[in-house]
Amino acid sequence: MEYARIRKEEQEMGIETETGMHRDLTQEDLVRLGLNRKGKWQYTIADIEALPEGVRAELIDGELFVIMNTPSTRHQELLGNLFFQLKQYVMEKNGACRIYPAPFGVQIKNDIHNYVEPDISLICRDENLDERGCHGAPDFVIEVVSPSNRKMDYVRKLALYREAGVREYWIVDPKHEQVTVYDLASGKEPVLHPFTDRIKVGIYDDLYLYVTDASISLQESMTRAHQNGREEGLAEGKANGRADGEARFARLTADLLREGRTDDLTRAITDLEYRDRLYREKAL
């Protein structure tokens, strides 16, 4: 029944669906939705909030851009790989930054005329966050290019992110299999990387991302975790008269990997109390 109601509302607005996906909006659709104004300073966040459910848009200097296309499988795979690695790193380091994938609202200039939904936003200032999203510039932004938004990502958003104070901006381009890295904080020239590169994140001292293979990053994390486990094992042996800490940790990580419990594994790397609970559960 819910699907039938939504379908009826879409047809009344003139937004037909094909195979479960919205087609591109026509000019008539925009008029029906009240989105036919053009030019700078014409739209505000109130217009965004008034859109029908399921219709998303962004604002740059009051100019509205409807997000019309459903992301491709390739787009989502790349986004997922990068998000996983960032999340894993922050958890491992007990970092204060927060990472959000799209759709996540960013009032990037903290005004009523600029609103974007970056593919990935990393925010290190809690005061910029509330239940509605981010107010101000994220520290690090990643956009994965789609065929319909190339100019937006390479031109319009680049200028906006630079002006708003984003520290670092990556454009991930599946068509050319390259990443353009902009160090906006320093104003350095952009650097191009093929997808096969191990790419340094400038806002951190020791973080490298792999665009297409998150498993490599996981293996590096595991290597660090085993080293930490070895050091903890030696300390445990000295304190308690036994040196089995390293072996216990190695068995635990192997079990978690075999069982596909990556969330537990990531948490065990950084949370000693949680790791001890897992030890007890597995009687290691």
Foldseek 3Di string as FASTA:
>chain_A
DVVVVVQVVCVVLVFHDDPPATDADDCSSCVSQVNNDADAPQAWVVSQVSGPPPWHWWFDRQGIGTDHGDDDPVQVLLLVLQQVLVVLVCLLVVAQKDKDAPPFWELAQQGTGGIDGFRMFIARDCVQDDPRHGRHAGQETEHEDDPVCPCVQVPVVVVVNLVRPHQKYWYQYPVQQKIWIDRSNVRDDIDIDHLQDQADDVVDDDHTGRRNDSVVSVVVLVVVLLVVQQVVLVVCCVVPVHRCSSVLVVVLLVVCVVVVVVVLNSNVSHPVVSVVVSCVVVVD
